Amino acid sequence: MNMGQLFESQLGFIANHFGVKFAVPTFSNFSSEDLTEFTKMCGMEDLKFNVYN
């Protein structure tokens, strides 16, 4: 996975938690700090979790 795909999967996880959808343009100012802020709003310390196939 490249960094963009990781970013998208984390944002998708947060969107699923809130029950909303996000639309982030490719060259916007949305950063990893924004993801960290949303993660804390979800009540999580970070976005590390086990993935099962």
C-alpha atoms as a PDB file:
ATOM      1  CA  MET A   1       0.000   0.000   0.000  1.00  0.00           C
ATOM      2  CA  ASN A   2       1.162   3.505  -0.647  1.00  0.00           C
ATOM      3  CA  MET A   3       0.661   6.428   1.734  1.00  0.00           C
ATOM      4  CA  GLY A   4      -2.477   7.642  -0.050  1.00  0.00           C
ATOM      5  CA  GLN A   5      -4.149   4.264   0.319  1.00  0.00           C
ATOM      6  CA  LEU A   6      -3.299   4.116   4.017  1.00  0.00           C
ATOM      7  CA  PHE A   7      -4.669   7.626   4.446  1.00  0.00           C
ATOM      8  CA  GLU A   8      -7.898   6.646   2.646  1.00  0.00           C
ATOM      9  CA  SER A   9      -8.380   3.502   4.727  1.00  0.00           C
ATOM     10  CA  GLN A  10      -7.903   5.416   7.991  1.00  0.00           C
ATOM     11  CA  LEU A  11     -10.303   8.123   6.871  1.00  0.00           C
ATOM     12  CA  GLY A  12     -12.818   5.449   5.825  1.00  0.00           C
ATOM     13  CA  PHE A  13     -12.579   3.811   9.250  1.00  0.00           C
ATOM     14  CA  ILE A  14     -13.300   7.146  10.946  1.00  0.00           C
ATOM     15  CA  ALA A  15     -16.167   7.915   8.554  1.00  0.00           C
ATOM     16  CA  ASN A  16     -17.699   4.518   9.296  1.00  0.00           C
ATOM     17  CA  HIS A  17     -17.464   5.194  13.035  1.00  0.00           C
ATOM     18  CA  PHE A  18     -19.304   8.510  12.681  1.00  0.00           C
ATOM     19  CA  GLY A  19     -21.727   7.219  10.020  1.00  0.00           C
ATOM     20  CA  VAL A  20     -20.734   9.922   7.536  1.00  0.00           C
ATOM     21  CA  LYS A  21     -18.857  10.206   4.238  1.00  0.00           C
ATOM     22  CA  PHE A  22     -15.821  12.354   3.540  1.00  0.00           C
ATOM     23  CA  ALA A  23     -14.786  13.916   0.238  1.00  0.00           C
ATOM     24  CA  VAL A  24     -11.198  15.138   0.322  1.00  0.00           C
ATOM     25  CA  PRO A  25      -9.736  16.663  -2.856  1.00  0.00           C
ATOM     26  CA  THR A  26      -6.330  15.293  -3.824  1.00  0.00           C
ATOM     27  CA  PHE A  27      -4.296  18.422  -3.174  1.00  0.00           C
ATOM     28  CA  SER A  28      -6.214  19.797  -0.206  1.00  0.00           C
ATOM     29  CA  ASN A  29      -4.772  20.834   3.143  1.00  0.00           C
ATOM     30  CA  PHE A  30      -6.217  17.823   4.991  1.00  0.00           C
ATOM     31  CA  SER A  31      -3.311  16.407   7.001  1.00  0.00           C
ATOM     32  CA  SER A  32      -2.375  13.592   9.336  1.00  0.00           C
ATOM     33  CA  GLU A  33      -2.975  15.987  12.245  1.00  0.00           C
ATOM     34  CA  ASP A  34      -6.608  16.191  11.129  1.00  0.00           C
ATOM     35  CA  LEU A  35      -6.781  12.383  11.214  1.00  0.00           C
ATOM     36  CA  THR A  36      -5.329  12.394  14.723  1.00  0.00           C
ATOM     37  CA  GLU A  37      -7.968  14.905  15.827  1.00  0.00           C
ATOM     38  CA  PHE A  38     -10.791  12.772  14.394  1.00  0.00           C
ATOM     39  CA  THR A  39      -9.265   9.666  15.983  1.00  0.00           C
ATOM     40  CA  LYS A  40      -9.406  11.286  19.407  1.00  0.00           C
ATOM     41  CA  MET A  41     -13.025  12.311  18.743  1.00  0.00           C
ATOM     42  CA  CYS A  42     -13.771   8.599  18.160  1.00  0.00           C
ATOM     43  CA  GLY A  43     -12.418   7.867  21.636  1.00  0.00           C
ATOM     44  CA  MET A  44      -9.344   6.069  20.305  1.00  0.00           C
ATOM     45  CA  GLU A  45      -5.716   6.811  21.072  1.00  0.00           C
ATOM     46  CA  ASP A  46      -4.518   5.898  17.583  1.00  0.00           C
ATOM     47  CA  LEU A  47      -5.673   4.012  14.503  1.00  0.00           C
ATOM     48  CA  LYS A  48      -3.727   0.824  15.181  1.00  0.00           C
ATOM     49  CA  PHE A  49      -5.858  -2.289  15.043  1.00  0.00           C
ATOM     50  CA  ASN A  50      -5.617  -5.880  13.864  1.00  0.00           C
ATOM     51  CA  VAL A  51      -6.829  -6.666  10.363  1.00  0.00           C
ATOM     52  CA  TYR A  52      -8.072 -10.157   9.585  1.00  0.00           C
ATOM     53  CA  ASN A  53      -8.560 -11.708   6.178  1.00  0.00           C
END
